[in-house]
Amino acid sequence: MSGVFGAVMERLAAGDSPRAAARALGIPLDLAETAAAEGERFGLVIRAGAACGTCVPGDSPACAGCPIAR
């Protein structure tokens, strides 16, 4: 991927939020949020809140290693 969309996808893949990606890339927050939303629509990214709604982070051994359970 190239351009702003690809750069935002790379930052999200590295664990950044859209806000952190915007800051790192020097782009407006709404542009990063729009790219993230499009990435979600294409199935390239999953919002943390949508990834797992079955446990409270850290409550279960199944949560071990989950990046959301930090």
C-alpha atoms as a PDB file:
ATOM      1  CA  MET A   1       0.000   0.000   0.000  1.00  0.00           C
ATOM      2  CA  SER A   2       1.164   3.481  -0.620  1.00  0.00           C
ATOM      3  CA  GLY A   3       0.124   7.006   0.161  1.00  0.00           C
ATOM      4  CA  VAL A   4      -1.662   8.238   3.246  1.00  0.00           C
ATOM      5  CA  PHE A   5      -3.993   5.229   3.441  1.00  0.00           C
ATOM      6  CA  GLY A   6      -1.070   2.796   3.398  1.00  0.00           C
ATOM      7  CA  ALA A   7       0.884   4.836   5.920  1.00  0.00           C
ATOM      8  CA  VAL A   8      -2.066   4.900   8.316  1.00  0.00           C
ATOM      9  CA  MET A   9      -2.604   1.133   7.866  1.00  0.00           C
ATOM     10  CA  GLU A  10       1.082   0.543   8.682  1.00  0.00           C
ATOM     11  CA  ARG A  11       0.829   2.646  11.849  1.00  0.00           C
ATOM     12  CA  LEU A  12      -2.355   0.839  12.923  1.00  0.00           C
ATOM     13  CA  ALA A  13      -0.692  -2.525  12.268  1.00  0.00           C
ATOM     14  CA  ALA A  14       2.150  -1.395  14.530  1.00  0.00           C
ATOM     15  CA  GLY A  15      -0.401  -0.806  17.302  1.00  0.00           C
ATOM     16  CA  ASP A  16      -1.034   2.918  16.987  1.00  0.00           C
ATOM     17  CA  SER A  17      -4.470   4.415  17.461  1.00  0.00           C
ATOM     18  CA  PRO A  18      -5.747   6.686  14.690  1.00  0.00           C
ATOM     19  CA  ARG A  19      -4.807   9.646  16.930  1.00  0.00           C
ATOM     20  CA  ALA A  20      -1.237   8.389  17.367  1.00  0.00           C
ATOM     21  CA  ALA A  21      -0.990   7.601  13.653  1.00  0.00           C
ATOM     22  CA  ALA A  22      -2.109  11.137  12.772  1.00  0.00           C
ATOM     23  CA  ARG A  23       0.445  12.605  15.150  1.00  0.00           C
ATOM     24  CA  ALA A  24       3.268  10.393  13.836  1.00  0.00           C
ATOM     25  CA  LEU A  25       2.429  11.081  10.199  1.00  0.00           C
ATOM     26  CA  GLY A  26       1.698  14.782  10.627  1.00  0.00           C
ATOM     27  CA  ILE A  27      -1.787  14.504   9.153  1.00  0.00           C
ATOM     28  CA  PRO A  28      -5.163  15.729  10.438  1.00  0.00           C
ATOM     29  CA  LEU A  29      -6.892  13.402  12.911  1.00  0.00           C
ATOM     30  CA  ASP A  30     -10.055  13.233  10.800  1.00  0.00           C
ATOM     31  CA  LEU A  31      -8.000  11.947   7.845  1.00  0.00           C
ATOM     32  CA  ALA A  32      -6.445   9.193   9.976  1.00  0.00           C
ATOM     33  CA  GLU A  33      -9.854   8.281  11.400  1.00  0.00           C
ATOM     34  CA  THR A  34     -11.336   8.128   7.894  1.00  0.00           C
ATOM     35  CA  ALA A  35      -8.500   5.895   6.684  1.00  0.00           C
ATOM     36  CA  ALA A  36      -8.972   3.654   9.734  1.00  0.00           C
ATOM     37  CA  ALA A  37     -12.722   3.435   9.071  1.00  0.00           C
ATOM     38  CA  GLU A  38     -12.087   2.500   5.442  1.00  0.00           C
ATOM     39  CA  GLY A  39      -9.535  -0.094   6.562  1.00  0.00           C
ATOM     40  CA  GLU A  40     -12.174  -1.549   8.874  1.00  0.00           C
ATOM     41  CA  ARG A  41     -14.747  -1.557   6.077  1.00  0.00           C
ATOM     42  CA  PHE A  42     -12.300  -3.457   3.834  1.00  0.00           C
ATOM     43  CA  GLY A  43     -11.560  -5.920   6.644  1.00  0.00           C
ATOM     44  CA  LEU A  44      -7.946  -4.781   7.014  1.00  0.00           C
ATOM     45  CA  VAL A  45      -8.298  -3.631  10.631  1.00  0.00           C
ATOM     46  CA  ILE A  46     -10.588  -4.449  13.521  1.00  0.00           C
ATOM     47  CA  ARG A  47     -11.470  -1.903  16.201  1.00  0.00           C
ATOM     48  CA  ALA A  48     -10.307  -3.030  19.611  1.00  0.00           C
ATOM     49  CA  GLY A  49     -13.831  -2.791  20.984  1.00  0.00           C
ATOM     50  CA  ALA A  50     -15.136  -5.051  18.227  1.00  0.00           C
ATOM     51  CA  ALA A  51     -12.321  -7.583  18.467  1.00  0.00           C
ATOM     52  CA  CYS A  52     -13.479  -9.266  21.634  1.00  0.00           C
ATOM     53  CA  GLY A  53     -16.516  -8.528  23.680  1.00  0.00           C
ATOM     54  CA  THR A  54     -16.573 -11.767  25.597  1.00  0.00           C
ATOM     55  CA  CYS A  55     -14.178 -11.063  28.438  1.00  0.00           C
ATOM     56  CA  VAL A  56     -13.031  -8.281  30.691  1.00  0.00           C
ATOM     57  CA  PRO A  57      -9.303  -7.896  29.977  1.00  0.00           C
ATOM     58  CA  GLY A  58      -7.306  -9.880  32.481  1.00  0.00           C
ATOM     59  CA  ASP A  59     -10.276 -11.738  33.973  1.00  0.00           C
ATOM     60  CA  SER A  60      -9.605 -14.992  32.184  1.00  0.00           C
ATOM     61  CA  PRO A  61      -6.530 -17.073  31.350  1.00  0.00           C
ATOM     62  CA  ALA A  62      -7.788 -16.859  27.764  1.00  0.00           C
ATOM     63  CA  CYS A  63      -6.896 -13.153  27.868  1.00  0.00           C
ATOM     64  CA  ALA A  64      -3.191 -13.902  28.425  1.00  0.00           C
ATOM     65  CA  GLY A  65      -1.182 -12.333  25.643  1.00  0.00           C
ATOM     66  CA  CYS A  66      -4.074 -10.284  24.334  1.00  0.00           C
ATOM     67  CA  PRO A  67      -2.845  -6.798  23.322  1.00  0.00           C
ATOM     68  CA  ILE A  68      -6.128  -5.323  24.593  1.00  0.00           C
ATOM     69  CA  ALA A  69      -5.644  -6.867  28.058  1.00  0.00           C
ATOM     70  CA  ARG A  70      -2.447  -4.897  28.752  1.00  0.00           C
END
